[in-house]
Amino acid sequence: MSDDFFAELEFEITAQTAKKVLKSDAVKLKRQALNTKLNAPARAKAAEEYKQIQSIVEANQWQVVRAAGLFTEQHCDGCGSVHYNFLQYMQEEHKIGGKSRRWVRTPLPVDGLAIETIIQPLTTHICSDCCSEHGLNVLTPTIRLMPVAGALTVSAAYIQGDINGAPEES
């Protein structure tokens, strides 16, 4: 066998050993960060170190395979119009040596990957095209609730009444 083979083998063994050490260090730091018997500064330091090591471990476990822009396709059942809104960039990652896949938010797509488009269909009952028919005006709002950082979300259990039907009697 050639010296190149042994050099490559030694390199691979060293790399795998380093990955195992990182994983082991991450487990130890996580235990320290969660250990209530340690003082708060020690737990905070362990938590910060854990985050740093965990990001390295994750980078060694997942491979980015494609990038995408996530949009909503909003269908209005009131007037029938369709609106598209950009939500965020996403990337699909595959677990190295496994069958797992995941979609992860990302601030910008990875350079060199083609950006695909993902459309998430949604239905709304009142859109910006027909809101004035229901006593609302998106273009000149009278109340602005809060900035994006504290955005409201719609409840999954919300059920809209029939806005196009006859008014219900109370």
N, C-alpha and C. Protein backbone atom coordinates (compact mmCIF):
# COMPACT_ATOMS: atom_id res chain seq x y z
N MET A 1 0.84 -1.19 0.00
CA MET A 1 0.00 0.00 0.00
C MET A 1 0.88 1.23 0.00
N SER A 2 0.37 2.25 -0.64
CA SER A 2 1.18 3.46 -0.80
C SER A 2 1.10 4.35 0.44
N ASP A 3 2.07 5.26 0.50
CA ASP A 3 2.09 6.23 1.60
C ASP A 3 0.89 7.16 1.53
N ASP A 4 0.42 7.43 0.29
CA ASP A 4 -0.75 8.30 0.12
C ASP A 4 -1.98 7.70 0.79
N PHE A 5 -2.14 6.38 0.63
CA PHE A 5 -3.29 5.71 1.24
C PHE A 5 -3.26 5.88 2.75
N PHE A 6 -2.09 5.63 3.35
CA PHE A 6 -1.99 5.74 4.80
C PHE A 6 -2.15 7.18 5.28
N ALA A 7 -1.68 8.13 4.50
CA ALA A 7 -1.85 9.54 4.86
C ALA A 7 -3.33 9.91 4.82
N GLU A 8 -4.04 9.46 3.78
CA GLU A 8 -5.48 9.74 3.69
C GLU A 8 -6.25 9.06 4.82
N LEU A 9 -5.87 7.81 5.13
CA LEU A 9 -6.51 7.07 6.20
C LEU A 9 -6.29 7.78 7.54
N GLU A 10 -5.06 8.20 7.79
CA GLU A 10 -4.75 8.91 9.04
C GLU A 10 -5.52 10.22 9.12
N PHE A 11 -5.63 10.94 8.00
CA PHE A 11 -6.39 12.19 7.97
C PHE A 11 -7.86 11.92 8.30
N GLU A 12 -8.43 10.88 7.69
CA GLU A 12 -9.84 10.56 7.93
C GLU A 12 -10.08 10.14 9.38
N ILE A 13 -9.18 9.37 9.94
CA ILE A 13 -9.31 8.96 11.35
C ILE A 13 -9.23 10.18 12.26
N THR A 14 -8.31 11.08 11.98
CA THR A 14 -8.18 12.30 12.77
C THR A 14 -9.44 13.16 12.68
N ALA A 15 -9.99 13.28 11.48
CA ALA A 15 -11.20 14.08 11.29
C ALA A 15 -12.39 13.47 12.03
N GLN A 16 -12.56 12.16 11.95
CA GLN A 16 -13.66 11.49 12.65
C GLN A 16 -13.50 11.59 14.17
N THR A 17 -12.27 11.47 14.64
CA THR A 17 -12.00 11.60 16.08
C THR A 17 -12.34 13.01 16.55
N ALA A 18 -11.97 14.01 15.77
CA ALA A 18 -12.27 15.39 16.14
C ALA A 18 -13.78 15.62 16.20
N LYS A 19 -14.54 15.02 15.27
CA LYS A 19 -16.00 15.16 15.29
C LYS A 19 -16.59 14.52 16.55
N LYS A 20 -16.07 13.35 16.93
CA LYS A 20 -16.57 12.68 18.13
C LYS A 20 -16.25 13.49 19.38
N VAL A 21 -15.07 14.09 19.42
CA VAL A 21 -14.68 14.92 20.56
C VAL A 21 -15.60 16.13 20.65
N LEU A 22 -15.89 16.76 19.51
CA LEU A 22 -16.81 17.90 19.50
C LEU A 22 -18.18 17.51 20.04
N LYS A 23 -18.70 16.39 19.58
CA LYS A 23 -20.01 15.93 20.06
C LYS A 23 -19.98 15.68 21.56
N SER A 24 -18.92 15.04 22.02
CA SER A 24 -18.77 14.77 23.44
C SER A 24 -18.68 16.06 24.25
N ASP A 25 -17.91 17.03 23.74
CA ASP A 25 -17.80 18.32 24.42
C ASP A 25 -19.15 19.02 24.46
N ALA A 26 -19.91 18.92 23.38
CA ALA A 26 -21.23 19.55 23.33
C ALA A 26 -22.15 18.95 24.39
N VAL A 27 -22.13 17.64 24.54
CA VAL A 27 -22.96 16.97 25.55
C VAL A 27 -22.57 17.44 26.95
N LYS A 28 -21.26 17.50 27.23
CA LYS A 28 -20.79 17.94 28.55
C LYS A 28 -21.21 19.39 28.84
N LEU A 29 -21.05 20.26 27.84
CA LEU A 29 -21.41 21.66 28.03
C LEU A 29 -22.91 21.84 28.22
N LYS A 30 -23.69 21.04 27.52
CA LYS A 30 -25.14 21.14 27.68
C LYS A 30 -25.53 20.73 29.10
N ARG A 31 -24.92 19.67 29.61
CA ARG A 31 -25.19 19.25 30.99
C ARG A 31 -24.82 20.35 31.98
N GLN A 32 -23.68 20.99 31.75
CA GLN A 32 -23.26 22.08 32.64
C GLN A 32 -24.23 23.24 32.57
N ALA A 33 -24.67 23.57 31.37
CA ALA A 33 -25.59 24.70 31.20
C ALA A 33 -26.93 24.45 31.89
N LEU A 34 -27.33 23.20 32.00
CA LEU A 34 -28.60 22.85 32.63
C LEU A 34 -28.46 22.48 34.11
N ASN A 35 -27.24 22.43 34.61
CA ASN A 35 -26.98 22.02 35.99
C ASN A 35 -27.31 23.17 36.94
N THR A 36 -28.39 23.05 37.68
CA THR A 36 -28.81 24.12 38.59
C THR A 36 -27.91 24.23 39.83
N LYS A 37 -27.04 23.27 40.04
CA LYS A 37 -26.12 23.35 41.18
C LYS A 37 -24.94 24.29 40.90
N LEU A 38 -24.70 24.59 39.62
CA LEU A 38 -23.64 25.54 39.25
C LEU A 38 -24.18 26.95 39.37
N ASN A 39 -23.27 27.91 39.61
CA ASN A 39 -23.72 29.30 39.69
C ASN A 39 -24.12 29.81 38.30
N ALA A 40 -24.88 30.90 38.28
CA ALA A 40 -25.43 31.43 37.03
C ALA A 40 -24.35 31.80 36.00
N PRO A 41 -23.26 32.47 36.38
CA PRO A 41 -22.24 32.80 35.37
C PRO A 41 -21.62 31.56 34.73
N ALA A 42 -21.39 30.52 35.53
CA ALA A 42 -20.80 29.29 34.99
C ALA A 42 -21.77 28.61 34.02
N ARG A 43 -23.07 28.62 34.37
CA ARG A 43 -24.07 28.03 33.47
C ARG A 43 -24.18 28.85 32.18
N ALA A 44 -24.13 30.17 32.30
CA ALA A 44 -24.22 31.03 31.12
C ALA A 44 -23.02 30.82 30.20
N LYS A 45 -21.83 30.71 30.79
CA LYS A 45 -20.63 30.47 29.99
C LYS A 45 -20.72 29.12 29.28
N ALA A 46 -21.18 28.09 30.00
CA ALA A 46 -21.34 26.77 29.39
C ALA A 46 -22.37 26.80 28.27
N ALA A 47 -23.45 27.55 28.47
CA ALA A 47 -24.49 27.64 27.44
C ALA A 47 -23.95 28.31 26.18
N GLU A 48 -23.16 29.37 26.35
CA GLU A 48 -22.58 30.07 25.20
C GLU A 48 -21.60 29.16 24.45
N GLU A 49 -20.74 28.46 25.19
CA GLU A 49 -19.79 27.54 24.56
C GLU A 49 -20.54 26.40 23.86
N TYR A 50 -21.62 25.94 24.48
CA TYR A 50 -22.42 24.87 23.87
C TYR A 50 -22.98 25.33 22.52
N LYS A 51 -23.52 26.55 22.46
CA LYS A 51 -24.07 27.08 21.21
C LYS A 51 -23.00 27.12 20.12
N GLN A 52 -21.80 27.55 20.48
CA GLN A 52 -20.71 27.64 19.50
C GLN A 52 -20.34 26.25 18.97
N ILE A 53 -20.16 25.31 19.88
CA ILE A 53 -19.76 23.95 19.48
C ILE A 53 -20.90 23.28 18.72
N GLN A 54 -22.13 23.48 19.17
CA GLN A 54 -23.27 22.85 18.50
C GLN A 54 -23.40 23.32 17.06
N SER A 55 -23.11 24.59 16.80
CA SER A 55 -23.18 25.07 15.41
C SER A 55 -22.13 24.38 14.54
N ILE A 56 -20.96 24.10 15.10
CA ILE A 56 -19.92 23.38 14.36
C ILE A 56 -20.35 21.94 14.12
N VAL A 57 -20.91 21.30 15.15
CA VAL A 57 -21.38 19.92 15.02
C VAL A 57 -22.48 19.84 13.97
N GLU A 58 -23.42 20.78 14.00
CA GLU A 58 -24.51 20.80 13.01
C GLU A 58 -23.97 20.96 11.60
N ALA A 59 -22.97 21.83 11.44
CA ALA A 59 -22.39 22.05 10.10
C ALA A 59 -21.77 20.77 9.56
N ASN A 60 -21.27 19.93 10.44
CA ASN A 60 -20.67 18.66 10.01
C ASN A 60 -21.72 17.58 9.76
N GLN A 61 -22.95 17.81 10.21
CA GLN A 61 -23.99 16.79 10.08
C GLN A 61 -24.96 17.05 8.93
N TRP A 62 -25.08 18.31 8.50
CA TRP A 62 -26.06 18.67 7.49
C TRP A 62 -25.40 19.31 6.28
N GLN A 63 -25.90 18.98 5.10
CA GLN A 63 -25.38 19.52 3.85
C GLN A 63 -26.51 20.28 3.14
N VAL A 64 -26.24 21.52 2.77
CA VAL A 64 -27.22 22.33 2.05
C VAL A 64 -27.31 21.82 0.61
N VAL A 65 -28.53 21.50 0.16
CA VAL A 65 -28.69 20.96 -1.19
C VAL A 65 -29.43 21.90 -2.13
N ARG A 66 -30.27 22.78 -1.57
CA ARG A 66 -30.92 23.76 -2.43
C ARG A 66 -31.44 24.93 -1.60
N ALA A 67 -31.62 26.04 -2.29
CA ALA A 67 -32.13 27.26 -1.67
C ALA A 67 -33.47 27.61 -2.29
N ALA A 68 -34.28 28.34 -1.53
CA ALA A 68 -35.59 28.71 -2.06
C ALA A 68 -36.08 30.00 -1.41
N GLY A 69 -36.96 30.67 -2.12
CA GLY A 69 -37.70 31.79 -1.57
C GLY A 69 -39.10 31.30 -1.26
N LEU A 70 -39.57 31.52 -0.04
CA LEU A 70 -40.90 31.06 0.37
C LEU A 70 -41.90 32.20 0.20
N PHE A 71 -42.95 31.94 -0.55
CA PHE A 71 -44.02 32.90 -0.80
C PHE A 71 -45.34 32.32 -0.32
N THR A 72 -46.27 33.20 0.02
CA THR A 72 -47.65 32.76 0.22
C THR A 72 -48.43 33.12 -1.03
N GLU A 73 -49.34 32.27 -1.39
CA GLU A 73 -50.29 32.53 -2.47
C GLU A 73 -51.64 32.64 -1.79
N GLN A 74 -52.11 33.87 -1.62
CA GLN A 74 -53.31 34.12 -0.83
C GLN A 74 -54.52 34.25 -1.75
N HIS A 75 -55.46 33.31 -1.61
CA HIS A 75 -56.70 33.32 -2.38
C HIS A 75 -57.78 33.94 -1.52
N CYS A 76 -58.47 34.92 -2.05
CA CYS A 76 -59.56 35.56 -1.31
C CYS A 76 -60.86 34.89 -1.70
N ASP A 77 -61.54 34.30 -0.71
CA ASP A 77 -62.83 33.68 -1.05
C ASP A 77 -63.96 34.71 -1.06
N GLY A 78 -63.62 35.97 -0.75
CA GLY A 78 -64.61 37.04 -0.84
C GLY A 78 -64.75 37.57 -2.25
N CYS A 79 -63.61 37.88 -2.90
CA CYS A 79 -63.69 38.47 -4.25
C CYS A 79 -62.97 37.64 -5.31
N GLY A 80 -62.25 36.60 -4.90
CA GLY A 80 -61.60 35.71 -5.86
C GLY A 80 -60.21 36.14 -6.30
N SER A 81 -59.69 37.24 -5.77
CA SER A 81 -58.36 37.68 -6.20
C SER A 81 -57.26 36.83 -5.57
N VAL A 82 -56.07 36.91 -6.15
CA VAL A 82 -54.90 36.17 -5.68
C VAL A 82 -53.77 37.16 -5.44
N HIS A 83 -53.11 37.04 -4.28
CA HIS A 83 -51.98 37.90 -3.93
C HIS A 83 -50.80 37.01 -3.54
N TYR A 84 -49.60 37.44 -3.91
CA TYR A 84 -48.37 36.72 -3.55
C TYR A 84 -47.54 37.60 -2.64
N ASN A 85 -47.02 37.01 -1.56
CA ASN A 85 -46.18 37.74 -0.61
C ASN A 85 -44.93 36.93 -0.30
N PHE A 86 -43.77 37.58 -0.38
CA PHE A 86 -42.51 36.93 0.00
C PHE A 86 -42.46 36.84 1.52
N LEU A 87 -42.09 35.67 2.05
CA LEU A 87 -41.97 35.49 3.50
C LEU A 87 -40.52 35.46 3.95
N GLN A 88 -39.72 34.57 3.35
CA GLN A 88 -38.34 34.41 3.80
C GLN A 88 -37.57 33.49 2.86
N TYR A 89 -36.25 33.53 3.00
CA TYR A 89 -35.40 32.57 2.30
C TYR A 89 -35.34 31.29 3.12
N MET A 90 -35.25 30.16 2.44
CA MET A 90 -35.16 28.85 3.09
C MET A 90 -34.05 28.07 2.39
N GLN A 91 -33.55 27.06 3.08
CA GLN A 91 -32.63 26.13 2.44
C GLN A 91 -32.97 24.72 2.89
N GLU A 92 -32.89 23.79 1.93
CA GLU A 92 -33.12 22.39 2.26
C GLU A 92 -31.77 21.77 2.59
N GLU A 93 -31.75 21.03 3.69
CA GLU A 93 -30.53 20.36 4.13
C GLU A 93 -30.79 18.87 4.25
N HIS A 94 -29.79 18.08 3.87
CA HIS A 94 -29.85 16.63 4.02
C HIS A 94 -28.83 16.23 5.07
N LYS A 95 -29.21 15.29 5.91
CA LYS A 95 -28.28 14.79 6.93
C LYS A 95 -27.23 13.93 6.24
N ILE A 96 -25.99 14.22 6.51
CA ILE A 96 -24.89 13.48 5.89
C ILE A 96 -24.90 12.06 6.44
N GLY A 97 -24.95 11.09 5.55
CA GLY A 97 -24.96 9.69 5.95
C GLY A 97 -26.31 9.20 6.45
N GLY A 98 -27.36 9.95 6.21
CA GLY A 98 -28.69 9.55 6.67
C GLY A 98 -29.75 9.92 5.65
N LYS A 99 -31.00 9.65 6.01
CA LYS A 99 -32.10 9.93 5.10
C LYS A 99 -32.90 11.15 5.52
N SER A 100 -32.54 11.77 6.62
CA SER A 100 -33.31 12.91 7.12
C SER A 100 -33.09 14.14 6.25
N ARG A 101 -34.17 14.93 6.14
CA ARG A 101 -34.13 16.20 5.41
C ARG A 101 -34.81 17.24 6.28
N ARG A 102 -34.45 18.49 6.08
CA ARG A 102 -35.12 19.57 6.80
C ARG A 102 -35.03 20.86 6.00
N TRP A 103 -36.00 21.73 6.24
CA TRP A 103 -35.99 23.07 5.67
C TRP A 103 -35.65 24.02 6.81
N VAL A 104 -34.71 24.93 6.56
CA VAL A 104 -34.24 25.86 7.59
C VAL A 104 -34.32 27.28 7.04
N ARG A 105 -34.75 28.22 7.90
CA ARG A 105 -34.73 29.63 7.51
C ARG A 105 -33.29 30.09 7.39
N THR A 106 -33.04 31.00 6.46
CA THR A 106 -31.71 31.55 6.29
C THR A 106 -31.83 33.02 5.89
N PRO A 107 -30.91 33.87 6.37
CA PRO A 107 -31.02 35.29 6.02
C PRO A 107 -30.81 35.57 4.53
N LEU A 108 -29.94 34.80 3.90
CA LEU A 108 -29.68 34.91 2.46
C LEU A 108 -29.39 33.52 1.91
N PRO A 109 -29.69 33.29 0.64
CA PRO A 109 -29.38 31.97 0.07
C PRO A 109 -27.87 31.76 -0.06
N VAL A 110 -27.48 30.50 -0.05
CA VAL A 110 -26.07 30.13 -0.20
C VAL A 110 -25.60 30.47 -1.60
N ASP A 111 -24.44 31.12 -1.72
CA ASP A 111 -23.89 31.45 -3.04
C ASP A 111 -23.66 30.17 -3.84
N GLY A 112 -23.96 30.24 -5.11
CA GLY A 112 -23.71 29.12 -6.01
C GLY A 112 -24.89 28.19 -6.20
N LEU A 113 -25.90 28.30 -5.35
CA LEU A 113 -27.08 27.46 -5.52
C LEU A 113 -28.17 28.24 -6.25
N ALA A 114 -28.84 27.57 -7.16
CA ALA A 114 -29.98 28.20 -7.82
C ALA A 114 -31.09 28.38 -6.79
N ILE A 115 -31.81 29.49 -6.89
CA ILE A 115 -32.89 29.75 -5.94
C ILE A 115 -34.21 29.32 -6.55
N GLU A 116 -34.86 28.39 -5.89
CA GLU A 116 -36.16 27.91 -6.33
C GLU A 116 -37.24 28.71 -5.61
N THR A 117 -38.47 28.53 -6.03
CA THR A 117 -39.60 29.21 -5.39
C THR A 117 -40.52 28.17 -4.78
N ILE A 118 -40.89 28.40 -3.53
CA ILE A 118 -41.87 27.55 -2.85
C ILE A 118 -43.09 28.42 -2.60
N ILE A 119 -44.25 27.92 -2.96
CA ILE A 119 -45.48 28.67 -2.75
C ILE A 119 -46.36 27.92 -1.76
N GLN A 120 -46.74 28.62 -0.70
CA GLN A 120 -47.61 28.07 0.33
C GLN A 120 -49.01 28.65 0.12
N PRO A 121 -49.99 27.83 -0.30
CA PRO A 121 -51.33 28.36 -0.55
C PRO A 121 -52.07 28.66 0.75
N LEU A 122 -52.72 29.82 0.79
CA LEU A 122 -53.53 30.23 1.93
C LEU A 122 -54.85 30.77 1.43
N THR A 123 -55.85 30.77 2.30
CA THR A 123 -57.14 31.37 1.95
C THR A 123 -57.42 32.48 2.95
N THR A 124 -57.98 33.57 2.45
CA THR A 124 -58.40 34.67 3.31
C THR A 124 -59.84 35.01 2.98
N HIS A 125 -60.48 35.69 3.89
CA HIS A 125 -61.88 36.03 3.69
C HIS A 125 -62.06 37.48 3.23
N ILE A 126 -61.08 38.32 3.56
CA ILE A 126 -61.09 39.71 3.13
C ILE A 126 -59.66 40.05 2.72
N CYS A 127 -59.47 40.54 1.51
CA CYS A 127 -58.14 40.92 1.05
C CYS A 127 -58.08 42.43 0.83
N SER A 128 -56.94 42.93 0.42
CA SER A 128 -56.79 44.37 0.20
C SER A 128 -57.64 44.86 -0.98
N ASP A 129 -58.03 43.96 -1.88
CA ASP A 129 -58.87 44.36 -3.01
C ASP A 129 -60.33 44.58 -2.60
N CYS A 130 -60.83 43.78 -1.67
CA CYS A 130 -62.25 43.86 -1.32
C CYS A 130 -62.51 44.38 0.10
N CYS A 131 -61.46 44.81 0.81
CA CYS A 131 -61.64 45.23 2.20
C CYS A 131 -62.58 46.41 2.35
N SER A 132 -62.58 47.33 1.37
CA SER A 132 -63.44 48.51 1.48
C SER A 132 -64.92 48.12 1.45
N GLU A 133 -65.25 46.99 0.83
CA GLU A 133 -66.63 46.51 0.80
C GLU A 133 -67.10 46.05 2.17
N HIS A 134 -66.14 45.84 3.08
CA HIS A 134 -66.45 45.35 4.43
C HIS A 134 -66.15 46.40 5.50
N GLY A 135 -66.03 47.66 5.08
CA GLY A 135 -65.81 48.73 6.03
C GLY A 135 -64.38 48.89 6.51
N LEU A 136 -63.43 48.28 5.81
CA LEU A 136 -62.01 48.37 6.18
C LEU A 136 -61.26 49.10 5.08
N ASN A 137 -60.16 49.76 5.43
CA ASN A 137 -59.37 50.41 4.41
C ASN A 137 -57.89 50.21 4.73
N VAL A 138 -57.24 49.38 3.95
CA VAL A 138 -55.83 49.07 4.16
C VAL A 138 -54.94 50.25 3.80
N LEU A 139 -55.35 51.04 2.81
CA LEU A 139 -54.49 52.12 2.34
C LEU A 139 -54.41 53.30 3.30
N THR A 140 -55.46 53.52 4.08
CA THR A 140 -55.43 54.60 5.08
C THR A 140 -55.89 54.05 6.43
N PRO A 141 -55.05 53.25 7.08
CA PRO A 141 -55.47 52.66 8.36
C PRO A 141 -55.59 53.73 9.44
N THR A 142 -56.56 53.54 10.31
CA THR A 142 -56.72 54.47 11.43
C THR A 142 -55.94 54.01 12.65
N ILE A 143 -55.57 52.73 12.71
CA ILE A 143 -54.83 52.19 13.84
C ILE A 143 -53.69 51.31 13.32
N ARG A 144 -52.51 51.52 13.86
CA ARG A 144 -51.39 50.61 13.59
C ARG A 144 -51.03 49.99 14.93
N LEU A 145 -51.09 48.69 15.00
CA LEU A 145 -50.94 48.05 16.30
C LEU A 145 -49.51 47.98 16.82
N MET A 146 -48.63 47.37 16.07
CA MET A 146 -47.29 47.16 16.61
C MET A 146 -46.30 46.92 15.49
N PRO A 147 -45.01 47.10 15.79
CA PRO A 147 -44.00 46.82 14.76
C PRO A 147 -43.89 45.32 14.50
N VAL A 148 -43.15 44.98 13.46
CA VAL A 148 -43.00 43.59 13.03
C VAL A 148 -42.46 42.70 14.14
N ALA A 149 -41.58 43.22 14.99
CA ALA A 149 -40.97 42.41 16.05
C ALA A 149 -42.02 41.82 16.98
N GLY A 150 -43.15 42.49 17.14
CA GLY A 150 -44.20 41.99 18.01
C GLY A 150 -45.46 41.66 17.23
N ALA A 151 -45.31 41.07 16.08
CA ALA A 151 -46.43 40.84 15.16
C ALA A 151 -47.48 39.92 15.76
N LEU A 152 -48.72 40.16 15.36
CA LEU A 152 -49.82 39.29 15.75
C LEU A 152 -49.86 38.09 14.81
N THR A 153 -50.29 36.96 15.31
CA THR A 153 -50.46 35.79 14.46
C THR A 153 -51.90 35.33 14.56
N VAL A 154 -52.39 34.74 13.50
CA VAL A 154 -53.75 34.26 13.47
C VAL A 154 -53.81 32.91 14.16
N SER A 155 -54.80 32.71 14.99
CA SER A 155 -54.98 31.45 15.68
C SER A 155 -55.36 30.36 14.69
N ALA A 156 -54.79 29.17 14.88
CA ALA A 156 -55.13 28.04 14.02
C ALA A 156 -56.59 27.62 14.24
N ALA A 157 -57.17 27.97 15.38
CA ALA A 157 -58.54 27.60 15.70
C ALA A 157 -59.55 28.66 15.26
N TYR A 158 -59.09 29.76 14.66
CA TYR A 158 -59.98 30.84 14.24
C TYR A 158 -60.90 30.38 13.12
N ILE A 159 -62.18 30.66 13.25
CA ILE A 159 -63.15 30.33 12.20
C ILE A 159 -63.87 31.62 11.83
N GLN A 160 -63.75 32.01 10.59
CA GLN A 160 -64.37 33.24 10.10
C GLN A 160 -65.85 32.99 9.82
N GLY A 161 -66.68 33.91 10.23
CA GLY A 161 -68.11 33.83 9.92
C GLY A 161 -68.32 34.13 8.43
N ASP A 162 -69.51 33.87 7.94
CA ASP A 162 -69.84 34.10 6.54
C ASP A 162 -70.04 35.60 6.32
N ILE A 163 -69.00 36.26 5.82
CA ILE A 163 -69.04 37.71 5.66
C ILE A 163 -69.87 38.14 4.46
N ASN A 164 -70.17 37.21 3.57
CA ASN A 164 -70.95 37.55 2.38
C ASN A 164 -72.42 37.17 2.53
N GLY A 165 -72.78 36.56 3.65
CA GLY A 165 -74.15 36.15 3.88
C GLY A 165 -74.93 37.22 4.62
N ALA A 166 -76.14 36.88 4.97
CA ALA A 166 -77.00 37.79 5.74
C ALA A 166 -76.44 37.95 7.15
N PRO A 167 -76.54 39.15 7.75
CA PRO A 167 -76.04 39.36 9.10
C PRO A 167 -76.78 38.47 10.09
N GLU A 168 -76.01 37.95 11.06
CA GLU A 168 -76.62 37.10 12.09
C GLU A 168 -77.33 37.96 13.11
N GLU A 169 -78.45 37.45 13.60
CA GLU A 169 -79.19 38.17 14.64
C GLU A 169 -78.65 37.76 16.00
N SER A 170 -78.48 38.73 16.90
CA SER A 170 -77.96 38.42 18.23
C SER A 170 -79.07 38.30 19.23
